[in-house]
């Protein structure tokens, strides 16, 4: 593209208008709460786009829908099918793609709600192979511990490496205390029985093999909590398929985003996080699960005891060693037991 064809102030091609292109097709889209997903939607081995919004076709009323942008293989995208996804409840947040019926087509999944019964809902829409989505399954997300749950985050990964897509969700209640929720996949489809893991204010949840045991681990950052002292970056190591250790804090700051990357190209994943400031924080070579090594020196010594006492006195989340939300004798006992065991070589 010649420089004269570009607006130097914005970098946008003046000859292209997103809205104008859709209007010529009698499509209008309004994205107040935007969400998108990427994947091979039409089974041509190219990565396509899927955008959620309120869509009007042929000057009709706006309805909650998803619009497919098809990739021709050279990153040229053209509008594809528009599918109505009127919510079972009153709101759709995040969307993602999942092969729910194991036919090698990317189906649509979203979280909606809460519904009239107070529970959010997982809704799955089957893909006909060309990017047209139709309702297939509705799963109410119920949690007897907490009333008034609301959806927030969704990711699709094969957490237990059994070849079937699993769902990772974040839900929060009226106290902004979130929970990590996992729905495991199976040969018969997504399970309707959730696995609940305490999130303690987590704002997003991802997975990656951080301890190099071959299994994806869960990691979160936790700025959503209403607590005065928050627990930010935490890791839940997966020691066997579907078995996770209690969350281990590796940073007690106030972080709003986290990802796993090999920042120093040493072959080991690191964590990179950002917070309210403009600073980025990198935690190199995520530590092995040695919980008594509070100062992250890869061994236990007097400085870990000193730091534990300081954190315990200040009632920091990092000193809640038995993960019950309290700071008492049981945390001291748990710390001393782990300290005496030392760190693995």
C-alpha atoms as a PDB file:
ATOM      1  CA  UNK A   1       0.000   0.000   0.000  1.00  0.00           C
ATOM      2  CA  UNK A   2       1.448   3.376  -1.018  1.00  0.00           C
ATOM      3  CA  UNK A   3       1.945   5.937   1.800  1.00  0.00           C
ATOM      4  CA  UNK A   4      -0.430   8.348   0.058  1.00  0.00           C
ATOM      5  CA  UNK A   5      -3.284   5.891   0.602  1.00  0.00           C
ATOM      6  CA  UNK A   6      -2.961   5.964   4.386  1.00  0.00           C
ATOM      7  CA  UNK A   7      -4.023   8.468   6.990  1.00  0.00           C
ATOM      8  CA  UNK A   8      -0.741   9.225   8.754  1.00  0.00           C
ATOM      9  CA  UNK A   9      -2.513  10.236  11.984  1.00  0.00           C
ATOM     10  CA  UNK A  10      -4.534   7.067  12.420  1.00  0.00           C
ATOM     11  CA  UNK A  11      -2.967   4.451  10.170  1.00  0.00           C
ATOM     12  CA  UNK A  12      -6.382   3.578   8.749  1.00  0.00           C
ATOM     13  CA  UNK A  13      -6.953   3.109   5.042  1.00  0.00           C
ATOM     14  CA  UNK A  14      -9.190   6.010   3.947  1.00  0.00           C
ATOM     15  CA  UNK A  15     -10.634   3.877   1.150  1.00  0.00           C
ATOM     16  CA  UNK A  16     -12.062   1.328   3.612  1.00  0.00           C
ATOM     17  CA  UNK A  17     -15.066   1.798   5.882  1.00  0.00           C
ATOM     18  CA  UNK A  18     -16.193  -1.059   8.106  1.00  0.00           C
ATOM     19  CA  UNK A  19     -19.666   0.407   8.518  1.00  0.00           C
ATOM     20  CA  UNK A  20     -20.014   1.245   4.823  1.00  0.00           C
ATOM     21  CA  UNK A  21     -19.072  -2.281   3.784  1.00  0.00           C
ATOM     22  CA  UNK A  22     -21.748  -3.778   6.037  1.00  0.00           C
ATOM     23  CA  UNK A  23     -24.377  -1.210   5.088  1.00  0.00           C
ATOM     24  CA  UNK A  24     -24.027  -2.229   1.452  1.00  0.00           C
ATOM     25  CA  UNK A  25     -25.073  -5.701   2.618  1.00  0.00           C
ATOM     26  CA  UNK A  26     -27.953  -4.261   4.712  1.00  0.00           C
ATOM     27  CA  UNK A  27     -26.134  -5.218   7.918  1.00  0.00           C
ATOM     28  CA  UNK A  28     -25.724  -2.916  10.902  1.00  0.00           C
ATOM     29  CA  UNK A  29     -23.871  -4.014  14.042  1.00  0.00           C
ATOM     30  CA  UNK A  30     -23.706  -2.304  17.431  1.00  0.00           C
ATOM     31  CA  UNK A  31     -21.077  -3.614  19.863  1.00  0.00           C
ATOM     32  CA  UNK A  32     -21.690  -2.081  23.274  1.00  0.00           C
ATOM     33  CA  UNK A  33     -20.166  -5.134  25.027  1.00  0.00           C
ATOM     34  CA  UNK A  34     -17.885  -6.484  22.305  1.00  0.00           C
ATOM     35  CA  UNK A  35     -16.441  -9.958  22.288  1.00  0.00           C
ATOM     36  CA  UNK A  36     -14.765 -11.920  19.537  1.00  0.00           C
ATOM     37  CA  UNK A  37     -13.290 -15.348  18.845  1.00  0.00           C
ATOM     38  CA  UNK A  38     -10.897 -16.681  16.226  1.00  0.00           C
ATOM     39  CA  UNK A  39     -10.804 -20.125  14.616  1.00  0.00           C
ATOM     40  CA  UNK A  40     -11.407 -22.096  11.435  1.00  0.00           C
ATOM     41  CA  UNK A  41     -15.159 -21.603  11.240  1.00  0.00           C
ATOM     42  CA  UNK A  42     -15.789 -22.837   7.679  1.00  0.00           C
ATOM     43  CA  UNK A  43     -13.338 -25.777   7.734  1.00  0.00           C
ATOM     44  CA  UNK A  44     -10.990 -24.452   5.023  1.00  0.00           C
ATOM     45  CA  UNK A  45      -7.892 -24.425   7.277  1.00  0.00           C
ATOM     46  CA  UNK A  46      -7.877 -20.605   7.466  1.00  0.00           C
ATOM     47  CA  UNK A  47      -8.353 -18.619  10.680  1.00  0.00           C
ATOM     48  CA  UNK A  48     -11.647 -16.695  10.597  1.00  0.00           C
ATOM     49  CA  UNK A  49     -13.155 -14.101  12.943  1.00  0.00           C
ATOM     50  CA  UNK A  50     -16.395 -14.191  14.910  1.00  0.00           C
ATOM     51  CA  UNK A  51     -17.766 -10.957  16.407  1.00  0.00           C
ATOM     52  CA  UNK A  52     -20.629 -10.675  18.894  1.00  0.00           C
ATOM     53  CA  UNK A  53     -22.969  -7.673  18.884  1.00  0.00           C
ATOM     54  CA  UNK A  54     -26.467  -6.369  18.343  1.00  0.00           C
ATOM     55  CA  UNK A  55     -27.102  -6.860  14.624  1.00  0.00           C
ATOM     56  CA  UNK A  56     -29.835  -5.482  12.368  1.00  0.00           C
ATOM     57  CA  UNK A  57     -30.494  -7.158   9.015  1.00  0.00           C
ATOM     58  CA  UNK A  58     -32.408  -5.334   6.244  1.00  0.00           C
ATOM     59  CA  UNK A  59     -33.318  -2.439   8.587  1.00  0.00           C
ATOM     60  CA  UNK A  60     -35.061  -4.856  10.954  1.00  0.00           C
ATOM     61  CA  UNK A  61     -34.838  -4.613  14.767  1.00  0.00           C
ATOM     62  CA  UNK A  62     -31.539  -5.261  16.499  1.00  0.00           C
ATOM     63  CA  UNK A  63     -30.979  -8.727  17.941  1.00  0.00           C
ATOM     64  CA  UNK A  64     -28.084 -10.312  19.788  1.00  0.00           C
ATOM     65  CA  UNK A  65     -26.131 -12.081  17.041  1.00  0.00           C
ATOM     66  CA  UNK A  66     -22.691 -13.211  15.895  1.00  0.00           C
ATOM     67  CA  UNK A  67     -21.168 -12.095  12.598  1.00  0.00           C
ATOM     68  CA  UNK A  68     -18.584 -14.264  10.835  1.00  0.00           C
ATOM     69  CA  UNK A  69     -15.704 -12.718   8.879  1.00  0.00           C
ATOM     70  CA  UNK A  70     -14.278 -15.319   6.495  1.00  0.00           C
ATOM     71  CA  UNK A  71     -10.566 -15.421   5.663  1.00  0.00           C
ATOM     72  CA  UNK A  72      -9.575 -16.235   2.080  1.00  0.00           C
ATOM     73  CA  UNK A  73      -6.190 -17.565   3.213  1.00  0.00           C
ATOM     74  CA  UNK A  74      -4.315 -14.320   2.572  1.00  0.00           C
ATOM     75  CA  UNK A  75      -5.812 -12.344   5.499  1.00  0.00           C
ATOM     76  CA  UNK A  76      -8.522 -10.788   3.324  1.00  0.00           C
ATOM     77  CA  UNK A  77     -11.768 -10.948   5.284  1.00  0.00           C
ATOM     78  CA  UNK A  78     -15.301 -10.743   3.888  1.00  0.00           C
ATOM     79  CA  UNK A  79     -18.586 -10.812   5.803  1.00  0.00           C
ATOM     80  CA  UNK A  80     -20.045 -14.294   6.189  1.00  0.00           C
ATOM     81  CA  UNK A  81     -23.156 -15.674   7.901  1.00  0.00           C
ATOM     82  CA  UNK A  82     -24.985 -13.831  10.667  1.00  0.00           C
ATOM     83  CA  UNK A  83     -26.504 -16.101  13.321  1.00  0.00           C
ATOM     84  CA  UNK A  84     -29.083 -15.070  15.898  1.00  0.00           C
ATOM     85  CA  UNK A  85     -28.073 -15.928  19.441  1.00  0.00           C
ATOM     86  CA  UNK A  86     -30.965 -14.384  21.353  1.00  0.00           C
ATOM     87  CA  UNK A  87     -30.022 -14.998  24.982  1.00  0.00           C
ATOM     88  CA  UNK A  88     -31.857 -17.474  27.126  1.00  0.00           C
ATOM     89  CA  UNK A  89     -31.344 -14.853  29.822  1.00  0.00           C
ATOM     90  CA  UNK A  90     -30.821 -11.101  29.677  1.00  0.00           C
ATOM     91  CA  UNK A  91     -27.203 -10.647  28.626  1.00  0.00           C
ATOM     92  CA  UNK A  92     -24.387 -12.286  26.670  1.00  0.00           C
ATOM     93  CA  UNK A  93     -20.811 -11.549  27.639  1.00  0.00           C
ATOM     94  CA  UNK A  94     -17.819 -13.470  26.320  1.00  0.00           C
ATOM     95  CA  UNK A  95     -17.912 -15.886  23.400  1.00  0.00           C
ATOM     96  CA  UNK A  96     -15.515 -18.660  22.419  1.00  0.00           C
ATOM     97  CA  UNK A  97     -15.254 -21.589  20.012  1.00  0.00           C
ATOM     98  CA  UNK A  98     -15.430 -25.258  20.986  1.00  0.00           C
ATOM     99  CA  UNK A  99     -15.853 -28.563  19.156  1.00  0.00           C
ATOM    100  CA  UNK A 100     -18.761 -29.658  21.318  1.00  0.00           C
ATOM    101  CA  UNK A 101     -20.065 -32.531  19.169  1.00  0.00           C
ATOM    102  CA  UNK A 102     -16.639 -33.771  17.982  1.00  0.00           C
ATOM    103  CA  UNK A 103     -17.405 -33.305  14.272  1.00  0.00           C
ATOM    104  CA  UNK A 104     -14.291 -31.145  13.700  1.00  0.00           C
ATOM    105  CA  UNK A 105     -16.449 -28.006  13.285  1.00  0.00           C
ATOM    106  CA  UNK A 106     -15.915 -25.066  15.619  1.00  0.00           C
ATOM    107  CA  UNK A 107     -19.152 -24.543  17.554  1.00  0.00           C
ATOM    108  CA  UNK A 108     -20.086 -21.366  19.435  1.00  0.00           C
ATOM    109  CA  UNK A 109     -20.152 -21.153  23.207  1.00  0.00           C
ATOM    110  CA  UNK A 110     -21.100 -18.199  25.374  1.00  0.00           C
ATOM    111  CA  UNK A 111     -22.092 -17.420  28.940  1.00  0.00           C
ATOM    112  CA  UNK A 112     -25.300 -15.590  29.672  1.00  0.00           C
ATOM    113  CA  UNK A 113     -27.242 -14.430  32.640  1.00  0.00           C
ATOM    114  CA  UNK A 114     -28.126 -14.492  35.385  1.00  0.00           C
ATOM    115  CA  UNK A 115     -31.525 -15.936  34.424  1.00  0.00           C
ATOM    116  CA  UNK A 116     -34.707 -15.703  36.462  1.00  0.00           C
ATOM    117  CA  UNK A 117     -33.471 -18.514  38.715  1.00  0.00           C
ATOM    118  CA  UNK A 118     -30.416 -16.449  39.620  1.00  0.00           C
ATOM    119  CA  UNK A 119     -27.897 -18.619  37.782  1.00  0.00           C
ATOM    120  CA  UNK A 120     -25.891 -17.774  34.689  1.00  0.00           C
ATOM    121  CA  UNK A 121     -26.082 -20.155  31.729  1.00  0.00           C
ATOM    122  CA  UNK A 122     -23.627 -21.775  29.325  1.00  0.00           C
ATOM    123  CA  UNK A 123     -25.172 -21.799  25.842  1.00  0.00           C
ATOM    124  CA  UNK A 124     -23.721 -23.864  22.989  1.00  0.00           C
ATOM    125  CA  UNK A 125     -24.659 -23.361  19.317  1.00  0.00           C
ATOM    126  CA  UNK A 126     -23.717 -25.971  16.719  1.00  0.00           C
ATOM    127  CA  UNK A 127     -21.912 -24.976  13.540  1.00  0.00           C
ATOM    128  CA  UNK A 128     -23.203 -26.464  10.276  1.00  0.00           C
ATOM    129  CA  UNK A 129     -19.674 -26.317   8.852  1.00  0.00           C
ATOM    130  CA  UNK A 130     -20.200 -23.054   6.991  1.00  0.00           C
ATOM    131  CA  UNK A 131     -20.480 -20.691   9.984  1.00  0.00           C
ATOM    132  CA  UNK A 132     -24.236 -20.874  10.604  1.00  0.00           C
ATOM    133  CA  UNK A 133     -24.936 -21.454  14.300  1.00  0.00           C
ATOM    134  CA  UNK A 134     -28.107 -22.970  15.804  1.00  0.00           C
ATOM    135  CA  UNK A 135     -28.978 -23.623  19.495  1.00  0.00           C
ATOM    136  CA  UNK A 136     -27.789 -27.017  20.745  1.00  0.00           C
ATOM    137  CA  UNK A 137     -27.354 -27.075  24.527  1.00  0.00           C
ATOM    138  CA  UNK A 138     -28.121 -24.998  27.609  1.00  0.00           C
ATOM    139  CA  UNK A 139     -26.300 -25.653  30.915  1.00  0.00           C
ATOM    140  CA  UNK A 140     -27.339 -23.682  34.039  1.00  0.00           C
ATOM    141  CA  UNK A 141     -24.333 -22.846  36.211  1.00  0.00           C
ATOM    142  CA  UNK A 142     -25.406 -23.612  39.746  1.00  0.00           C
ATOM    143  CA  UNK A 143     -23.394 -23.120  42.890  1.00  0.00           C
ATOM    144  CA  UNK A 144     -25.038 -23.812  46.213  1.00  0.00           C
ATOM    145  CA  UNK A 145     -22.352 -21.887  48.100  1.00  0.00           C
ATOM    146  CA  UNK A 146     -23.108 -18.511  46.589  1.00  0.00           C
ATOM    147  CA  UNK A 147     -26.216 -16.710  45.402  1.00  0.00           C
ATOM    148  CA  UNK A 148     -26.305 -14.136  42.664  1.00  0.00           C
ATOM    149  CA  UNK A 149     -23.439 -15.419  40.537  1.00  0.00           C
ATOM    150  CA  UNK A 150     -22.654 -13.501  37.374  1.00  0.00           C
ATOM    151  CA  UNK A 151     -20.526 -14.577  34.409  1.00  0.00           C
ATOM    152  CA  UNK A 152     -17.259 -12.871  33.531  1.00  0.00           C
ATOM    153  CA  UNK A 153     -14.607 -14.902  31.691  1.00  0.00           C
ATOM    154  CA  UNK A 154     -14.515 -17.924  29.397  1.00  0.00           C
ATOM    155  CA  UNK A 155     -11.707 -19.909  27.760  1.00  0.00           C
ATOM    156  CA  UNK A 156     -11.642 -23.277  25.992  1.00  0.00           C
ATOM    157  CA  UNK A 157      -8.655 -25.616  26.397  1.00  0.00           C
ATOM    158  CA  UNK A 158      -7.946 -29.321  26.766  1.00  0.00           C
ATOM    159  CA  UNK A 159      -6.909 -29.108  30.420  1.00  0.00           C
ATOM    160  CA  UNK A 160      -6.632 -32.831  31.145  1.00  0.00           C
ATOM    161  CA  UNK A 161      -5.158 -33.705  27.721  1.00  0.00           C
ATOM    162  CA  UNK A 162      -7.787 -36.348  26.958  1.00  0.00           C
ATOM    163  CA  UNK A 163      -8.441 -34.980  23.461  1.00  0.00           C
ATOM    164  CA  UNK A 164     -11.702 -33.206  24.358  1.00  0.00           C
ATOM    165  CA  UNK A 165     -12.269 -29.475  24.833  1.00  0.00           C
ATOM    166  CA  UNK A 166     -12.824 -28.262  28.403  1.00  0.00           C
ATOM    167  CA  UNK A 167     -14.351 -24.959  29.537  1.00  0.00           C
ATOM    168  CA  UNK A 168     -12.745 -22.524  32.015  1.00  0.00           C
ATOM    169  CA  UNK A 169     -15.057 -19.897  33.495  1.00  0.00           C
ATOM    170  CA  UNK A 170     -14.783 -17.106  36.018  1.00  0.00           C
ATOM    171  CA  UNK A 171     -17.884 -16.251  38.022  1.00  0.00           C
ATOM    172  CA  UNK A 172     -18.304 -13.654  40.722  1.00  0.00           C
ATOM    173  CA  UNK A 173     -20.914 -12.986  43.406  1.00  0.00           C
ATOM    174  CA  UNK A 174     -22.173  -9.774  44.973  1.00  0.00           C
ATOM    175  CA  UNK A 175     -18.997  -9.558  47.085  1.00  0.00           C
ATOM    176  CA  UNK A 176     -16.832  -9.692  43.944  1.00  0.00           C
ATOM    177  CA  UNK A 177     -15.261 -12.915  45.216  1.00  0.00           C
ATOM    178  CA  UNK A 178     -14.810 -14.945  42.069  1.00  0.00           C
ATOM    179  CA  UNK A 179     -14.620 -18.680  41.511  1.00  0.00           C
ATOM    180  CA  UNK A 180     -12.806 -20.621  38.821  1.00  0.00           C
ATOM    181  CA  UNK A 181     -15.238 -23.103  37.275  1.00  0.00           C
ATOM    182  CA  UNK A 182     -14.227 -25.992  35.011  1.00  0.00           C
ATOM    183  CA  UNK A 183     -16.525 -28.091  32.839  1.00  0.00           C
ATOM    184  CA  UNK A 184     -14.620 -31.070  31.463  1.00  0.00           C
ATOM    185  CA  UNK A 185     -15.310 -32.490  28.031  1.00  0.00           C
ATOM    186  CA  UNK A 186     -15.915 -36.157  27.266  1.00  0.00           C
ATOM    187  CA  UNK A 187     -16.815 -38.426  24.339  1.00  0.00           C
ATOM    188  CA  UNK A 188     -20.479 -37.598  24.990  1.00  0.00           C
ATOM    189  CA  UNK A 189     -19.955 -33.824  25.177  1.00  0.00           C
ATOM    190  CA  UNK A 190     -19.444 -31.225  27.895  1.00  0.00           C
ATOM    191  CA  UNK A 191     -20.149 -32.374  31.436  1.00  0.00           C
ATOM    192  CA  UNK A 192     -22.954 -30.569  33.264  1.00  0.00           C
ATOM    193  CA  UNK A 193     -21.208 -31.086  36.628  1.00  0.00           C
ATOM    194  CA  UNK A 194     -18.870 -28.169  37.382  1.00  0.00           C
ATOM    195  CA  UNK A 195     -15.576 -28.350  39.227  1.00  0.00           C
ATOM    196  CA  UNK A 196     -15.368 -25.291  41.477  1.00  0.00           C
ATOM    197  CA  UNK A 197     -11.990 -23.813  42.501  1.00  0.00           C
ATOM    198  CA  UNK A 198     -11.702 -20.748  44.729  1.00  0.00           C
ATOM    199  CA  UNK A 199     -10.588 -17.743  42.713  1.00  0.00           C
ATOM    200  CA  UNK A 200     -10.316 -15.122  45.465  1.00  0.00           C
ATOM    201  CA  UNK A 201     -11.064 -12.146  43.243  1.00  0.00           C
ATOM    202  CA  UNK A 202      -9.492 -13.486  40.050  1.00  0.00           C
ATOM    203  CA  UNK A 203     -10.047 -11.276  37.025  1.00  0.00           C
ATOM    204  CA  UNK A 204      -8.921 -13.779  34.391  1.00  0.00           C
ATOM    205  CA  UNK A 205      -7.800 -17.396  34.302  1.00  0.00           C
ATOM    206  CA  UNK A 206      -5.450 -19.057  31.803  1.00  0.00           C
ATOM    207  CA  UNK A 207      -3.617 -22.347  31.515  1.00  0.00           C
ATOM    208  CA  UNK A 208      -0.060 -23.352  30.581  1.00  0.00           C
ATOM    209  CA  UNK A 209       2.421 -26.001  31.669  1.00  0.00           C
ATOM    210  CA  UNK A 210       4.389 -23.871  34.113  1.00  0.00           C
ATOM    211  CA  UNK A 211       6.193 -26.650  36.004  1.00  0.00           C
ATOM    212  CA  UNK A 212       7.024 -28.705  32.892  1.00  0.00           C
ATOM    213  CA  UNK A 213       5.310 -31.900  34.071  1.00  0.00           C
ATOM    214  CA  UNK A 214       3.396 -32.212  30.806  1.00  0.00           C
ATOM    215  CA  UNK A 215       0.039 -31.001  32.197  1.00  0.00           C
ATOM    216  CA  UNK A 216      -1.441 -27.491  31.843  1.00  0.00           C
ATOM    217  CA  UNK A 217      -1.606 -25.541  35.109  1.00  0.00           C
ATOM    218  CA  UNK A 218      -4.113 -22.804  35.923  1.00  0.00           C
ATOM    219  CA  UNK A 219      -2.914 -19.301  36.703  1.00  0.00           C
ATOM    220  CA  UNK A 220      -4.867 -16.163  37.563  1.00  0.00           C
ATOM    221  CA  UNK A 221      -4.487 -12.517  38.445  1.00  0.00           C
ATOM    222  CA  UNK A 222      -6.787 -11.156  41.083  1.00  0.00           C
ATOM    223  CA  UNK A 223      -7.680  -7.494  41.071  1.00  0.00           C
ATOM    224  CA  UNK A 224     -11.460  -7.989  41.243  1.00  0.00           C
ATOM    225  CA  UNK A 225     -11.548  -8.764  44.965  1.00  0.00           C
ATOM    226  CA  UNK A 226     -13.135  -6.228  47.306  1.00  0.00           C
ATOM    227  CA  UNK A 227     -10.628  -7.138  50.029  1.00  0.00           C
ATOM    228  CA  UNK A 228      -8.315  -4.358  51.149  1.00  0.00           C
ATOM    229  CA  UNK A 229      -5.319  -6.653  50.748  1.00  0.00           C
ATOM    230  CA  UNK A 230      -5.509  -8.751  47.621  1.00  0.00           C
ATOM    231  CA  UNK A 231      -3.823 -11.829  46.321  1.00  0.00           C
ATOM    232  CA  UNK A 232      -2.724 -11.153  42.774  1.00  0.00           C
ATOM    233  CA  UNK A 233      -0.828 -13.695  40.649  1.00  0.00           C
ATOM    234  CA  UNK A 234      -1.553 -17.255  41.742  1.00  0.00           C
ATOM    235  CA  UNK A 235      -0.813 -20.652  40.240  1.00  0.00           C
ATOM    236  CA  UNK A 236      -2.739 -23.917  40.660  1.00  0.00           C
ATOM    237  CA  UNK A 237      -0.404 -26.708  39.557  1.00  0.00           C
ATOM    238  CA  UNK A 238      -2.027 -29.737  37.936  1.00  0.00           C
ATOM    239  CA  UNK A 239      -0.209 -32.779  39.333  1.00  0.00           C
ATOM    240  CA  UNK A 240      -2.359 -35.420  37.603  1.00  0.00           C
ATOM    241  CA  UNK A 241      -5.233 -35.117  35.121  1.00  0.00           C
ATOM    242  CA  UNK A 242      -8.013 -33.115  36.834  1.00  0.00           C
ATOM    243  CA  UNK A 243      -6.083 -32.890  40.122  1.00  0.00           C
ATOM    244  CA  UNK A 244      -4.907 -29.389  41.132  1.00  0.00           C
ATOM    245  CA  UNK A 245      -2.834 -28.288  44.098  1.00  0.00           C
ATOM    246  CA  UNK A 246      -4.153 -25.395  46.229  1.00  0.00           C
ATOM    247  CA  UNK A 247      -3.366 -22.005  44.750  1.00  0.00           C
ATOM    248  CA  UNK A 248       0.167 -20.723  45.332  1.00  0.00           C
ATOM    249  CA  UNK A 249       0.829 -16.992  45.281  1.00  0.00           C
ATOM    250  CA  UNK A 250       3.853 -15.780  43.342  1.00  0.00           C
ATOM    251  CA  UNK A 251       3.072 -12.059  43.572  1.00  0.00           C
ATOM    252  CA  UNK A 252       1.062 -10.076  46.130  1.00  0.00           C
ATOM    253  CA  UNK A 253       0.552  -6.944  44.031  1.00  0.00           C
ATOM    254  CA  UNK A 254      -2.535  -5.567  42.358  1.00  0.00           C
ATOM    255  CA  UNK A 255      -2.413  -6.970  38.816  1.00  0.00           C
ATOM    256  CA  UNK A 256      -5.136  -6.746  36.184  1.00  0.00           C
ATOM    257  CA  UNK A 257      -3.678  -8.893  33.382  1.00  0.00           C
ATOM    258  CA  UNK A 258      -1.292 -11.836  33.143  1.00  0.00           C
ATOM    259  CA  UNK A 259       0.064 -14.146  30.461  1.00  0.00           C
ATOM    260  CA  UNK A 260       2.716 -16.866  30.125  1.00  0.00           C
ATOM    261  CA  UNK A 261       5.563 -16.304  27.671  1.00  0.00           C
ATOM    262  CA  UNK A 262       9.195 -17.359  27.369  1.00  0.00           C
ATOM    263  CA  UNK A 263      10.504 -13.843  27.832  1.00  0.00           C
ATOM    264  CA  UNK A 264      14.227 -14.674  28.003  1.00  0.00           C
ATOM    265  CA  UNK A 265      14.147 -17.561  25.498  1.00  0.00           C
ATOM    266  CA  UNK A 266      15.552 -20.104  27.925  1.00  0.00           C
ATOM    267  CA  UNK A 267      12.928 -22.702  27.047  1.00  0.00           C
ATOM    268  CA  UNK A 268      10.922 -22.147  30.256  1.00  0.00           C
ATOM    269  CA  UNK A 269       7.651 -20.206  30.446  1.00  0.00           C
ATOM    270  CA  UNK A 270       7.705 -16.979  32.450  1.00  0.00           C
ATOM    271  CA  UNK A 271       4.805 -14.875  33.710  1.00  0.00           C
ATOM    272  CA  UNK A 272       4.316 -11.309  32.531  1.00  0.00           C
ATOM    273  CA  UNK A 273       1.744  -9.110  34.253  1.00  0.00           C
ATOM    274  CA  UNK A 274       0.467  -5.551  34.260  1.00  0.00           C
ATOM    275  CA  UNK A 275      -1.424  -3.533  36.826  1.00  0.00           C
ATOM    276  CA  UNK A 276      -2.813  -0.091  37.502  1.00  0.00           C
ATOM    277  CA  UNK A 277       0.524   1.529  36.683  1.00  0.00           C
ATOM    278  CA  UNK A 278       2.233   1.443  33.306  1.00  0.00           C
ATOM    279  CA  UNK A 279       4.840  -0.991  34.584  1.00  0.00           C
ATOM    280  CA  UNK A 280       5.109  -4.569  33.382  1.00  0.00           C
ATOM    281  CA  UNK A 281       6.231  -7.219  35.835  1.00  0.00           C
ATOM    282  CA  UNK A 282       8.060 -10.339  34.684  1.00  0.00           C
ATOM    283  CA  UNK A 283       8.425 -13.392  36.920  1.00  0.00           C
ATOM    284  CA  UNK A 284      11.068 -15.579  35.331  1.00  0.00           C
ATOM    285  CA  UNK A 285      10.869 -19.375  35.376  1.00  0.00           C
ATOM    286  CA  UNK A 286       7.778 -19.872  37.495  1.00  0.00           C
ATOM    287  CA  UNK A 287       8.871 -21.652  40.698  1.00  0.00           C
ATOM    288  CA  UNK A 288       8.255 -25.296  41.492  1.00  0.00           C
ATOM    289  CA  UNK A 289       5.528 -25.811  44.112  1.00  0.00           C
ATOM    290  CA  UNK A 290       7.609 -25.096  47.225  1.00  0.00           C
ATOM    291  CA  UNK A 291       5.142 -23.110  49.277  1.00  0.00           C
ATOM    292  CA  UNK A 292       7.442 -22.403  52.216  1.00  0.00           C
ATOM    293  CA  UNK A 293       9.900 -20.630  49.881  1.00  0.00           C
ATOM    294  CA  UNK A 294       8.080 -17.328  50.267  1.00  0.00           C
ATOM    295  CA  UNK A 295      10.961 -15.149  49.049  1.00  0.00           C
ATOM    296  CA  UNK A 296      11.339 -17.358  45.917  1.00  0.00           C
ATOM    297  CA  UNK A 297      15.009 -18.225  46.357  1.00  0.00           C
ATOM    298  CA  UNK A 298      14.368 -21.931  45.547  1.00  0.00           C
ATOM    299  CA  UNK A 299      15.337 -22.971  49.109  1.00  0.00           C
ATOM    300  CA  UNK A 300      13.984 -22.398  52.619  1.00  0.00           C
ATOM    301  CA  UNK A 301      15.871 -20.430  55.241  1.00  0.00           C
ATOM    302  CA  UNK A 302      15.493 -17.879  58.049  1.00  0.00           C
ATOM    303  CA  UNK A 303      14.373 -15.189  55.614  1.00  0.00           C
ATOM    304  CA  UNK A 304      11.287 -17.236  54.698  1.00  0.00           C
ATOM    305  CA  UNK A 305      10.352 -17.477  58.394  1.00  0.00           C
ATOM    306  CA  UNK A 306      10.881 -13.740  58.867  1.00  0.00           C
ATOM    307  CA  UNK A 307       8.822 -12.907  55.788  1.00  0.00           C
ATOM    308  CA  UNK A 308       6.065 -15.320  56.812  1.00  0.00           C
ATOM    309  CA  UNK A 309       5.772 -13.683  60.245  1.00  0.00           C
ATOM    310  CA  UNK A 310       5.584 -10.250  58.634  1.00  0.00           C
ATOM    311  CA  UNK A 311       2.922 -11.351  56.159  1.00  0.00           C
ATOM    312  CA  UNK A 312       1.004 -13.238  58.851  1.00  0.00           C
ATOM    313  CA  UNK A 313       0.974 -10.208  61.144  1.00  0.00           C
ATOM    314  CA  UNK A 314      -0.338  -8.032  58.319  1.00  0.00           C
ATOM    315  CA  UNK A 315      -2.911 -10.750  57.414  1.00  0.00           C
ATOM    316  CA  UNK A 316      -1.654 -10.911  53.857  1.00  0.00           C
ATOM    317  CA  UNK A 317      -3.293 -13.518  51.592  1.00  0.00           C
ATOM    318  CA  UNK A 318       0.110 -15.092  50.941  1.00  0.00           C
ATOM    319  CA  UNK A 319       0.245 -16.197  54.600  1.00  0.00           C
ATOM    320  CA  UNK A 320      -3.105 -18.025  54.447  1.00  0.00           C
ATOM    321  CA  UNK A 321      -1.377 -21.392  54.093  1.00  0.00           C
ATOM    322  CA  UNK A 322      -4.453 -23.590  54.522  1.00  0.00           C
ATOM    323  CA  UNK A 323      -6.535 -21.479  52.112  1.00  0.00           C
ATOM    324  CA  UNK A 324      -9.492 -20.962  54.460  1.00  0.00           C
ATOM    325  CA  UNK A 325      -9.561 -17.156  54.282  1.00  0.00           C
ATOM    326  CA  UNK A 326      -8.362 -16.821  57.892  1.00  0.00           C
ATOM    327  CA  UNK A 327      -5.029 -16.185  59.587  1.00  0.00           C
ATOM    328  CA  UNK A 328      -4.665 -18.416  62.652  1.00  0.00           C
ATOM    329  CA  UNK A 329      -2.629 -21.178  64.298  1.00  0.00           C
ATOM    330  CA  UNK A 330      -3.408 -23.618  61.488  1.00  0.00           C
ATOM    331  CA  UNK A 331      -1.554 -21.425  58.979  1.00  0.00           C
ATOM    332  CA  UNK A 332       1.506 -21.354  61.249  1.00  0.00           C
ATOM    333  CA  UNK A 333       1.364 -25.121  61.672  1.00  0.00           C
ATOM    334  CA  UNK A 334       1.018 -25.693  57.907  1.00  0.00           C
ATOM    335  CA  UNK A 335       3.921 -23.346  57.163  1.00  0.00           C
ATOM    336  CA  UNK A 336       6.225 -25.037  59.690  1.00  0.00           C
ATOM    337  CA  UNK A 337       5.419 -28.485  58.287  1.00  0.00           C
ATOM    338  CA  UNK A 338       6.206 -27.352  54.748  1.00  0.00           C
ATOM    339  CA  UNK A 339       9.302 -25.471  55.885  1.00  0.00           C
ATOM    340  CA  UNK A 340      10.701 -28.602  57.527  1.00  0.00           C
ATOM    341  CA  UNK A 341      10.236 -30.528  54.267  1.00  0.00           C
ATOM    342  CA  UNK A 342      12.328 -28.017  52.338  1.00  0.00           C
ATOM    343  CA  UNK A 343      12.195 -27.513  48.568  1.00  0.00           C
ATOM    344  CA  UNK A 344      12.564 -30.223  45.925  1.00  0.00           C
ATOM    345  CA  UNK A 345      15.929 -30.335  44.212  1.00  0.00           C
END
